[in-house]
N, C-alpha and C. Protein backbone atom coordinates (compact mmCIF):
# COMPACT_ATOMS: atom_id res chain seq x y z
N UNK A 1 48.57 43.85 93.64
CA UNK A 1 49.96 43.72 94.07
C UNK A 1 50.89 44.10 92.92
N UNK A 2 51.90 44.91 93.22
CA UNK A 2 52.83 45.30 92.16
C UNK A 2 53.62 44.13 91.59
N UNK A 3 54.00 43.17 92.44
CA UNK A 3 54.76 42.01 91.99
C UNK A 3 54.15 40.74 92.57
N UNK A 4 54.27 39.66 91.83
CA UNK A 4 53.80 38.36 92.30
C UNK A 4 54.92 37.65 93.06
N UNK A 5 54.55 36.67 93.88
CA UNK A 5 55.53 35.94 94.68
C UNK A 5 56.59 35.27 93.80
N UNK A 6 56.17 34.68 92.68
CA UNK A 6 57.14 34.02 91.79
C UNK A 6 58.11 35.04 91.19
N UNK A 7 57.63 36.24 90.94
CA UNK A 7 58.50 37.28 90.40
C UNK A 7 59.53 37.72 91.44
N UNK A 8 59.14 37.83 92.68
CA UNK A 8 60.06 38.22 93.75
C UNK A 8 61.14 37.14 93.93
N UNK A 9 60.72 35.88 93.89
CA UNK A 9 61.69 34.79 93.98
C UNK A 9 62.66 34.83 92.80
N UNK A 10 62.14 35.11 91.61
CA UNK A 10 62.98 35.21 90.41
C UNK A 10 64.01 36.33 90.56
N UNK A 11 63.57 37.46 91.06
CA UNK A 11 64.48 38.60 91.26
C UNK A 11 65.62 38.20 92.18
N UNK A 12 65.29 37.55 93.29
CA UNK A 12 66.32 37.12 94.23
C UNK A 12 67.28 36.12 93.59
N UNK A 13 66.76 35.21 92.81
CA UNK A 13 67.59 34.19 92.18
C UNK A 13 68.52 34.78 91.12
N UNK A 14 67.96 35.58 90.22
CA UNK A 14 68.72 36.07 89.06
C UNK A 14 69.64 37.23 89.41
N UNK A 15 69.19 38.14 90.25
CA UNK A 15 69.97 39.36 90.47
C UNK A 15 70.94 39.26 91.64
N UNK A 16 70.79 38.26 92.49
CA UNK A 16 71.67 38.15 93.64
C UNK A 16 72.76 37.10 93.46
N UNK A 17 72.41 35.93 93.02
CA UNK A 17 73.34 34.80 92.98
C UNK A 17 74.51 35.02 92.03
N UNK A 18 74.23 35.11 90.74
CA UNK A 18 75.30 35.23 89.74
C UNK A 18 76.18 36.45 89.93
N UNK A 19 75.61 37.66 90.01
CA UNK A 19 76.45 38.84 90.20
C UNK A 19 77.27 38.80 91.50
N UNK A 20 76.69 38.27 92.58
CA UNK A 20 77.43 38.21 93.85
C UNK A 20 78.63 37.28 93.73
N UNK A 21 78.44 36.14 93.11
CA UNK A 21 79.56 35.21 92.90
C UNK A 21 80.61 35.82 91.99
N UNK A 22 80.16 36.49 90.94
CA UNK A 22 81.10 37.10 89.99
C UNK A 22 81.91 38.22 90.62
N UNK A 23 81.31 38.95 91.55
CA UNK A 23 82.05 40.04 92.20
C UNK A 23 83.14 39.51 93.11
N UNK A 24 83.05 38.23 93.48
CA UNK A 24 84.09 37.62 94.29
C UNK A 24 85.42 37.52 93.55
N UNK A 25 85.38 37.57 92.22
CA UNK A 25 86.61 37.53 91.44
C UNK A 25 86.88 38.86 90.74
N UNK A 26 86.21 39.89 91.18
CA UNK A 26 86.40 41.22 90.59
C UNK A 26 87.79 41.73 90.93
N UNK A 27 88.52 42.25 89.94
CA UNK A 27 89.82 42.83 90.26
C UNK A 27 89.64 44.03 91.18
N UNK A 28 90.65 44.29 92.01
CA UNK A 28 90.52 45.42 92.93
C UNK A 28 90.41 46.71 92.14
N UNK A 29 89.54 47.59 92.61
CA UNK A 29 89.30 48.86 91.92
C UNK A 29 89.91 50.04 92.66
N UNK A 30 90.40 49.81 93.85
CA UNK A 30 90.97 50.88 94.65
C UNK A 30 92.25 50.39 95.29
N UNK A 31 92.92 51.23 96.02
CA UNK A 31 94.11 50.82 96.77
C UNK A 31 93.68 50.16 98.07
N UNK A 32 93.08 49.00 97.96
CA UNK A 32 92.55 48.31 99.12
C UNK A 32 93.65 48.01 100.12
N UNK A 33 94.79 47.58 99.63
CA UNK A 33 95.88 47.21 100.53
C UNK A 33 96.59 48.42 101.13
N UNK A 34 96.38 49.60 100.56
CA UNK A 34 97.02 50.81 101.08
C UNK A 34 96.22 51.42 102.23
N UNK A 35 94.97 51.02 102.37
CA UNK A 35 94.13 51.57 103.44
C UNK A 35 94.45 50.89 104.78
N UNK A 36 94.30 51.62 105.84
CA UNK A 36 94.47 51.04 107.17
C UNK A 36 93.36 50.03 107.43
N UNK A 37 93.65 48.98 108.18
CA UNK A 37 92.59 48.00 108.46
C UNK A 37 91.50 48.61 109.34
N UNK A 38 90.33 48.04 109.23
CA UNK A 38 89.20 48.48 110.03
C UNK A 38 89.43 48.06 111.48
N UNK A 39 89.14 48.94 112.40
CA UNK A 39 89.28 48.61 113.82
C UNK A 39 88.26 47.53 114.19
N UNK A 40 88.61 46.60 115.07
CA UNK A 40 87.69 45.50 115.41
C UNK A 40 86.34 45.96 115.95
N UNK A 41 86.33 47.10 116.67
CA UNK A 41 85.06 47.58 117.22
C UNK A 41 84.24 48.38 116.20
N UNK A 42 84.83 48.68 115.07
CA UNK A 42 84.14 49.44 114.02
C UNK A 42 83.21 48.51 113.25
N UNK A 43 82.02 48.98 112.99
CA UNK A 43 81.03 48.18 112.24
C UNK A 43 81.42 48.05 110.77
N UNK A 44 81.11 46.91 110.19
CA UNK A 44 81.36 46.71 108.77
C UNK A 44 80.41 47.59 107.97
N UNK A 45 79.16 47.63 108.38
CA UNK A 45 78.17 48.51 107.74
C UNK A 45 77.86 49.61 108.74
N UNK A 46 78.42 50.78 108.49
CA UNK A 46 78.24 51.90 109.39
C UNK A 46 76.97 52.69 109.06
N UNK A 47 76.74 53.75 109.80
CA UNK A 47 75.54 54.56 109.60
C UNK A 47 75.44 55.16 108.21
N UNK A 48 76.57 55.63 107.69
CA UNK A 48 76.57 56.23 106.35
C UNK A 48 76.21 55.19 105.29
N UNK A 49 76.81 54.00 105.41
CA UNK A 49 76.50 52.95 104.45
C UNK A 49 75.05 52.48 104.59
N UNK A 50 74.57 52.37 105.81
CA UNK A 50 73.17 51.98 106.03
C UNK A 50 72.22 52.98 105.39
N UNK A 51 72.53 54.26 105.55
CA UNK A 51 71.70 55.30 104.94
C UNK A 51 71.69 55.19 103.43
N UNK A 52 72.85 54.90 102.86
CA UNK A 52 72.91 54.79 101.40
C UNK A 52 72.19 53.54 100.90
N UNK A 53 72.26 52.46 101.66
CA UNK A 53 71.53 51.24 101.29
C UNK A 53 70.03 51.53 101.29
N UNK A 54 69.56 52.24 102.29
CA UNK A 54 68.14 52.61 102.35
C UNK A 54 67.76 53.54 101.20
N UNK A 55 68.63 54.50 100.89
CA UNK A 55 68.35 55.42 99.78
C UNK A 55 68.29 54.68 98.45
N UNK A 56 69.21 53.74 98.25
CA UNK A 56 69.23 52.97 97.01
C UNK A 56 67.98 52.08 96.92
N UNK A 57 67.59 51.48 98.03
CA UNK A 57 66.36 50.68 98.05
C UNK A 57 65.14 51.52 97.74
N UNK A 58 65.11 52.72 98.29
CA UNK A 58 63.99 53.63 98.02
C UNK A 58 63.97 54.04 96.55
N UNK A 59 65.14 54.28 95.98
CA UNK A 59 65.22 54.64 94.55
C UNK A 59 64.72 53.49 93.68
N UNK A 60 65.13 52.27 94.01
CA UNK A 60 64.67 51.10 93.24
C UNK A 60 63.16 50.93 93.37
N UNK A 61 62.65 51.12 94.57
CA UNK A 61 61.20 51.03 94.77
C UNK A 61 60.48 52.10 93.97
N UNK A 62 61.03 53.32 93.98
CA UNK A 62 60.39 54.44 93.27
C UNK A 62 60.33 54.19 91.76
N UNK A 63 61.45 53.76 91.17
CA UNK A 63 61.43 53.54 89.71
C UNK A 63 60.56 52.35 89.35
N UNK A 64 60.51 51.36 90.23
CA UNK A 64 59.64 50.20 89.99
C UNK A 64 58.18 50.62 90.00
N UNK A 65 57.80 51.39 91.01
CA UNK A 65 56.41 51.87 91.10
C UNK A 65 56.08 52.85 89.98
N UNK A 66 57.07 53.63 89.56
CA UNK A 66 56.86 54.55 88.44
C UNK A 66 56.60 53.77 87.16
N UNK A 67 57.35 52.68 86.95
CA UNK A 67 57.12 51.84 85.77
C UNK A 67 55.70 51.27 85.80
N UNK A 68 55.25 50.87 86.96
CA UNK A 68 53.88 50.36 87.11
C UNK A 68 52.88 51.46 86.80
N UNK A 69 53.09 52.64 87.38
CA UNK A 69 52.18 53.77 87.21
C UNK A 69 52.10 54.24 85.76
N UNK A 70 53.24 54.29 85.09
CA UNK A 70 53.27 54.77 83.70
C UNK A 70 52.40 53.92 82.78
N UNK A 71 52.27 52.65 83.10
CA UNK A 71 51.52 51.75 82.23
C UNK A 71 50.04 51.64 82.59
N UNK A 72 49.68 51.97 83.81
CA UNK A 72 48.28 51.83 84.24
C UNK A 72 47.47 53.10 83.97
N UNK A 73 46.22 52.94 83.57
CA UNK A 73 45.36 54.13 83.42
C UNK A 73 45.02 54.73 84.79
N UNK A 74 44.93 56.04 84.84
CA UNK A 74 44.48 56.72 86.04
C UNK A 74 45.55 56.99 87.08
N UNK A 75 46.81 56.79 86.78
CA UNK A 75 47.87 57.06 87.75
C UNK A 75 48.40 58.47 87.61
N UNK A 76 49.57 58.71 88.15
CA UNK A 76 50.21 60.02 88.00
C UNK A 76 50.48 60.32 86.53
N UNK A 77 50.91 59.28 85.81
CA UNK A 77 51.09 59.36 84.37
C UNK A 77 50.03 58.41 83.80
N UNK A 78 49.15 58.93 82.98
CA UNK A 78 48.03 58.13 82.51
C UNK A 78 48.47 57.15 81.42
N UNK A 79 48.54 55.86 81.78
CA UNK A 79 48.93 54.83 80.84
C UNK A 79 47.71 54.17 80.24
N UNK A 80 47.97 53.22 79.34
CA UNK A 80 46.84 52.55 78.69
C UNK A 80 47.03 51.03 78.62
N UNK A 81 47.94 50.50 79.42
CA UNK A 81 48.18 49.06 79.41
C UNK A 81 47.36 48.39 80.50
N UNK A 82 47.27 47.09 80.41
CA UNK A 82 46.57 46.31 81.43
C UNK A 82 47.47 46.06 82.64
N UNK A 83 46.87 45.48 83.66
CA UNK A 83 47.59 45.20 84.90
C UNK A 83 48.77 44.26 84.66
N UNK A 84 48.58 43.24 83.85
CA UNK A 84 49.65 42.27 83.60
C UNK A 84 50.86 42.93 82.92
N UNK A 85 50.61 43.78 81.95
CA UNK A 85 51.70 44.48 81.27
C UNK A 85 52.39 45.46 82.23
N UNK A 86 51.60 46.18 83.00
CA UNK A 86 52.17 47.12 83.97
C UNK A 86 53.02 46.40 85.00
N UNK A 87 52.52 45.28 85.49
CA UNK A 87 53.27 44.48 86.47
C UNK A 87 54.56 43.95 85.84
N UNK A 88 54.48 43.53 84.59
CA UNK A 88 55.67 43.02 83.89
C UNK A 88 56.71 44.13 83.74
N UNK A 89 56.27 45.33 83.43
CA UNK A 89 57.19 46.47 83.31
C UNK A 89 57.84 46.77 84.66
N UNK A 90 57.07 46.74 85.73
CA UNK A 90 57.62 46.98 87.07
C UNK A 90 58.62 45.88 87.44
N UNK A 91 58.26 44.65 87.19
CA UNK A 91 59.12 43.49 87.44
C UNK A 91 60.43 43.62 86.67
N UNK A 92 60.34 43.94 85.40
CA UNK A 92 61.52 44.07 84.55
C UNK A 92 62.39 45.24 85.00
N UNK A 93 61.77 46.34 85.37
CA UNK A 93 62.52 47.50 85.85
C UNK A 93 63.31 47.15 87.11
N UNK A 94 62.69 46.43 88.02
CA UNK A 94 63.38 46.06 89.25
C UNK A 94 64.54 45.10 88.98
N UNK A 95 64.34 44.14 88.09
CA UNK A 95 65.43 43.22 87.72
C UNK A 95 66.59 44.01 87.13
N UNK A 96 66.30 44.90 86.19
CA UNK A 96 67.36 45.68 85.55
C UNK A 96 68.03 46.63 86.54
N UNK A 97 67.26 47.20 87.46
CA UNK A 97 67.84 48.09 88.48
C UNK A 97 68.80 47.32 89.37
N UNK A 98 68.43 46.11 89.74
CA UNK A 98 69.31 45.27 90.56
C UNK A 98 70.60 44.95 89.81
N UNK A 99 70.47 44.67 88.52
CA UNK A 99 71.66 44.37 87.71
C UNK A 99 72.55 45.61 87.56
N UNK A 100 71.93 46.78 87.41
CA UNK A 100 72.71 48.03 87.38
C UNK A 100 73.42 48.25 88.71
N UNK A 101 72.75 47.91 89.78
CA UNK A 101 73.33 48.10 91.11
C UNK A 101 74.51 47.17 91.34
N UNK A 102 74.55 46.05 90.64
CA UNK A 102 75.71 45.16 90.74
C UNK A 102 76.97 45.89 90.28
N UNK A 103 76.82 46.74 89.27
CA UNK A 103 77.96 47.54 88.81
C UNK A 103 78.37 48.56 89.87
N UNK A 104 77.37 49.13 90.55
CA UNK A 104 77.66 50.09 91.63
C UNK A 104 78.43 49.44 92.76
N UNK A 105 78.08 48.21 93.08
CA UNK A 105 78.61 47.54 94.27
C UNK A 105 80.07 47.15 94.15
N UNK A 106 80.66 47.30 92.99
CA UNK A 106 82.06 46.92 92.80
C UNK A 106 83.00 47.77 93.64
N UNK A 107 82.62 49.00 93.92
CA UNK A 107 83.47 49.89 94.70
C UNK A 107 82.62 50.92 95.42
N UNK A 108 83.09 51.29 96.61
CA UNK A 108 82.36 52.30 97.38
C UNK A 108 82.62 53.70 96.86
N UNK A 109 83.80 53.90 96.21
CA UNK A 109 84.15 55.25 95.76
C UNK A 109 84.48 55.37 94.28
N UNK A 110 85.00 54.31 93.67
CA UNK A 110 85.39 54.39 92.26
C UNK A 110 84.17 54.28 91.36
N UNK A 111 84.22 54.97 90.25
CA UNK A 111 83.13 54.94 89.28
C UNK A 111 82.88 53.51 88.79
N UNK A 112 81.65 53.19 88.54
CA UNK A 112 81.29 51.88 87.97
C UNK A 112 81.90 51.72 86.59
N UNK A 113 82.24 52.83 85.95
CA UNK A 113 82.80 52.80 84.60
C UNK A 113 84.31 52.61 84.59
N UNK A 114 84.92 52.68 85.76
CA UNK A 114 86.37 52.45 85.86
C UNK A 114 86.61 50.94 85.83
N UNK A 115 87.40 50.49 84.88
CA UNK A 115 87.64 49.05 84.74
C UNK A 115 86.37 48.29 84.41
N UNK A 116 85.50 48.94 83.65
CA UNK A 116 84.16 48.42 83.36
C UNK A 116 84.18 46.99 82.80
N UNK A 117 85.13 46.70 81.95
CA UNK A 117 85.16 45.38 81.30
C UNK A 117 86.15 44.42 81.95
N UNK A 118 86.66 44.78 83.12
CA UNK A 118 87.70 43.98 83.78
C UNK A 118 87.20 42.63 84.29
N UNK A 119 85.93 42.51 84.59
CA UNK A 119 85.41 41.26 85.15
C UNK A 119 84.43 40.63 84.17
N UNK A 120 84.91 39.72 83.36
CA UNK A 120 84.04 39.07 82.37
C UNK A 120 82.97 38.21 83.04
N UNK A 121 83.25 37.71 84.25
CA UNK A 121 82.26 36.90 84.96
C UNK A 121 81.05 37.74 85.39
N UNK A 122 81.31 38.96 85.80
CA UNK A 122 80.21 39.85 86.17
C UNK A 122 79.36 40.15 84.95
N UNK A 123 80.01 40.43 83.83
CA UNK A 123 79.26 40.70 82.60
C UNK A 123 78.48 39.47 82.14
N UNK A 124 79.05 38.29 82.34
CA UNK A 124 78.33 37.06 81.99
C UNK A 124 77.10 36.91 82.89
N UNK A 125 77.25 37.23 84.18
CA UNK A 125 76.11 37.14 85.10
C UNK A 125 75.03 38.15 84.74
N UNK A 126 75.44 39.36 84.37
CA UNK A 126 74.48 40.39 83.97
C UNK A 126 73.79 39.99 82.68
N UNK A 127 74.56 39.49 81.71
CA UNK A 127 73.98 39.04 80.44
C UNK A 127 73.02 37.89 80.67
N UNK A 128 73.38 36.97 81.55
CA UNK A 128 72.49 35.86 81.87
C UNK A 128 71.18 36.39 82.47
N UNK A 129 71.30 37.37 83.37
CA UNK A 129 70.11 37.96 83.98
C UNK A 129 69.20 38.62 82.96
N UNK A 130 69.79 39.36 82.03
CA UNK A 130 69.00 40.05 81.00
C UNK A 130 68.35 39.05 80.05
N UNK A 131 69.14 38.07 79.59
CA UNK A 131 68.60 37.08 78.65
C UNK A 131 67.47 36.27 79.29
N UNK A 132 67.66 35.84 80.51
CA UNK A 132 66.60 35.06 81.16
C UNK A 132 65.38 35.93 81.45
N UNK A 133 65.58 37.22 81.73
CA UNK A 133 64.43 38.11 81.92
C UNK A 133 63.65 38.25 80.62
N UNK A 134 64.36 38.38 79.51
CA UNK A 134 63.68 38.44 78.20
C UNK A 134 62.87 37.17 77.97
N UNK A 135 63.44 36.03 78.32
CA UNK A 135 62.72 34.76 78.15
C UNK A 135 61.47 34.71 79.03
N UNK A 136 61.60 35.14 80.28
CA UNK A 136 60.46 35.13 81.21
C UNK A 136 59.34 36.04 80.71
N UNK A 137 59.71 37.11 80.02
CA UNK A 137 58.72 38.06 79.53
C UNK A 137 58.12 37.63 78.19
N UNK A 138 58.86 36.90 77.38
CA UNK A 138 58.38 36.63 76.02
C UNK A 138 58.07 35.16 75.68
N UNK A 139 58.51 34.20 76.47
CA UNK A 139 58.22 32.79 76.18
C UNK A 139 56.90 32.43 76.86
N UNK A 140 55.89 31.97 76.08
CA UNK A 140 54.56 31.71 76.65
C UNK A 140 54.54 30.81 77.89
N UNK A 141 55.32 29.73 77.90
CA UNK A 141 55.34 28.84 79.06
C UNK A 141 55.84 29.58 80.31
N UNK A 142 56.86 30.40 80.13
CA UNK A 142 57.39 31.17 81.26
C UNK A 142 56.46 32.33 81.64
N UNK A 143 55.78 32.88 80.65
CA UNK A 143 54.78 33.92 80.94
C UNK A 143 53.71 33.37 81.88
N UNK A 144 53.27 32.15 81.61
CA UNK A 144 52.24 31.52 82.46
C UNK A 144 52.78 31.28 83.87
N UNK A 145 54.03 30.86 83.97
CA UNK A 145 54.61 30.56 85.27
C UNK A 145 54.87 31.83 86.10
N UNK A 146 55.24 32.92 85.43
CA UNK A 146 55.62 34.14 86.15
C UNK A 146 54.59 35.26 86.05
N UNK A 147 53.49 35.03 85.37
CA UNK A 147 52.43 36.05 85.26
C UNK A 147 52.87 37.28 84.51
N UNK A 148 53.63 37.09 83.42
CA UNK A 148 54.13 38.22 82.65
C UNK A 148 53.40 38.35 81.32
N UNK A 149 53.57 39.49 80.71
CA UNK A 149 53.02 39.78 79.39
C UNK A 149 54.17 40.32 78.54
N UNK A 150 54.11 40.13 77.23
CA UNK A 150 55.21 40.64 76.39
C UNK A 150 55.28 42.17 76.42
N UNK A 151 56.50 42.68 76.38
CA UNK A 151 56.73 44.13 76.34
C UNK A 151 57.23 44.52 74.96
N UNK A 152 56.86 45.70 74.53
CA UNK A 152 57.35 46.22 73.25
C UNK A 152 58.78 46.73 73.43
N UNK A 153 59.46 47.01 72.33
CA UNK A 153 60.82 47.54 72.40
C UNK A 153 60.83 48.87 73.17
N UNK A 154 59.82 49.70 72.94
CA UNK A 154 59.73 50.97 73.66
C UNK A 154 59.56 50.77 75.16
N UNK A 155 58.77 49.78 75.54
CA UNK A 155 58.59 49.49 76.96
C UNK A 155 59.88 48.97 77.59
N UNK A 156 60.61 48.15 76.85
CA UNK A 156 61.91 47.67 77.34
C UNK A 156 62.87 48.84 77.55
N UNK A 157 62.90 49.76 76.60
CA UNK A 157 63.78 50.93 76.72
C UNK A 157 63.39 51.79 77.92
N UNK A 158 62.10 51.95 78.15
CA UNK A 158 61.63 52.70 79.30
C UNK A 158 62.07 52.02 80.60
N UNK A 159 61.92 50.71 80.66
CA UNK A 159 62.34 49.96 81.85
C UNK A 159 63.84 50.13 82.09
N UNK A 160 64.62 50.06 81.03
CA UNK A 160 66.07 50.22 81.15
C UNK A 160 66.42 51.64 81.59
N UNK A 161 65.76 52.63 81.03
CA UNK A 161 66.02 54.03 81.41
C UNK A 161 65.69 54.25 82.88
N UNK A 162 64.56 53.75 83.33
CA UNK A 162 64.18 53.90 84.74
C UNK A 162 65.18 53.17 85.64
N UNK A 163 65.53 51.95 85.25
CA UNK A 163 66.45 51.15 86.05
C UNK A 163 67.82 51.79 86.16
N UNK A 164 68.26 52.44 85.09
CA UNK A 164 69.60 53.04 85.10
C UNK A 164 69.70 54.21 86.08
N UNK A 165 68.58 54.71 86.55
CA UNK A 165 68.61 55.81 87.53
C UNK A 165 69.43 55.44 88.76
N UNK A 166 69.41 54.17 89.18
CA UNK A 166 70.19 53.78 90.35
C UNK A 166 71.69 53.86 90.07
N UNK A 167 72.07 53.57 88.83
CA UNK A 167 73.48 53.69 88.43
C UNK A 167 73.92 55.15 88.47
N UNK A 168 73.11 56.03 87.88
CA UNK A 168 73.46 57.46 87.82
C UNK A 168 73.43 58.09 89.21
N UNK A 169 72.51 57.66 90.04
CA UNK A 169 72.41 58.18 91.40
C UNK A 169 73.69 57.84 92.19
N UNK A 170 74.16 56.60 92.05
CA UNK A 170 75.36 56.20 92.77
C UNK A 170 76.61 56.84 92.17
N UNK A 171 76.61 57.03 90.86
CA UNK A 171 77.75 57.73 90.23
C UNK A 171 77.87 59.15 90.79
N UNK A 172 76.75 59.82 90.97
CA UNK A 172 76.76 61.17 91.54
C UNK A 172 77.28 61.14 92.97
N UNK A 173 76.82 60.17 93.76
CA UNK A 173 77.30 60.04 95.15
C UNK A 173 78.81 59.81 95.18
N UNK A 174 79.29 58.91 94.33
CA UNK A 174 80.72 58.61 94.29
C UNK A 174 81.54 59.83 93.85
N UNK A 175 81.00 60.60 92.94
CA UNK A 175 81.68 61.82 92.49
C UNK A 175 81.84 62.79 93.66
N UNK A 176 80.80 62.95 94.45
CA UNK A 176 80.85 63.84 95.62
C UNK A 176 81.85 63.30 96.64
N UNK A 177 81.82 61.99 96.89
CA UNK A 177 82.75 61.39 97.86
C UNK A 177 84.19 61.59 97.42
N UNK A 178 84.47 61.39 96.13
CA UNK A 178 85.83 61.58 95.64
C UNK A 178 86.25 63.04 95.74
N UNK A 179 85.35 63.97 95.43
CA UNK A 179 85.66 65.40 95.52
C UNK A 179 85.95 65.79 96.97
N UNK A 180 85.16 65.29 97.89
CA UNK A 180 85.41 65.57 99.32
C UNK A 180 86.76 65.01 99.76
N UNK A 181 87.07 63.81 99.28
CA UNK A 181 88.35 63.20 99.62
C UNK A 181 89.53 64.01 99.10
N UNK A 182 89.40 64.51 97.88
CA UNK A 182 90.46 65.35 97.31
C UNK A 182 90.60 66.65 98.10
N UNK A 183 89.47 67.23 98.52
CA UNK A 183 89.52 68.47 99.30
C UNK A 183 90.19 68.22 100.65
N UNK A 184 89.85 67.11 101.30
CA UNK A 184 90.47 66.79 102.60
C UNK A 184 91.96 66.57 102.42
N UNK A 185 92.32 65.86 101.37
CA UNK A 185 93.74 65.58 101.10
C UNK A 185 94.50 66.88 100.81
N UNK A 186 93.89 67.78 100.07
CA UNK A 186 94.52 69.07 99.73
C UNK A 186 94.72 69.93 100.98
N UNK A 187 93.79 69.79 101.95
CA UNK A 187 93.88 70.59 103.17
C UNK A 187 94.65 69.86 104.27
N UNK A 188 95.18 68.69 103.95
CA UNK A 188 96.01 67.96 104.91
C UNK A 188 95.27 67.30 106.04
N UNK A 189 94.02 66.95 105.84
CA UNK A 189 93.24 66.29 106.91
C UNK A 189 93.12 64.83 106.63
């Protein structure tokens, strides 16, 4: 199994609770009040958003499995670590990817880097997630509880690089959405 049950519960606890609460106090990043209200019959999550949620989930799954594969011998990339280390790398990659995605979720169209430091609560939640993940990976008592093994600095950097792919993927999507919006506005549509 790529992840253990305790690791999945940890991911839900650390990456969903704090960042979600912190985003409730996020300053507005767009002209929210300038937009027309959503029609009552219009879905909150439409087909386009559903597709993007699925794409983002697939990207997170892909980088998580890639982190696992990179560390295991005999995969697409021949690694030399044991199962526990590979699983820990996959677990850590998924936690970091979820935390990166919290930055994406601040706005549907504005860059995650716009007003990046405006919400100190979100940064506190992300820092809490990272610090507690480090503890789960490196404190022996927590290693026993979560089935983790210590990661080297290089392995941590690899996990972060893989996890950041979700941030860059959404930045590219937002860039395209903004460009299309400017083109429509320029053509009067």
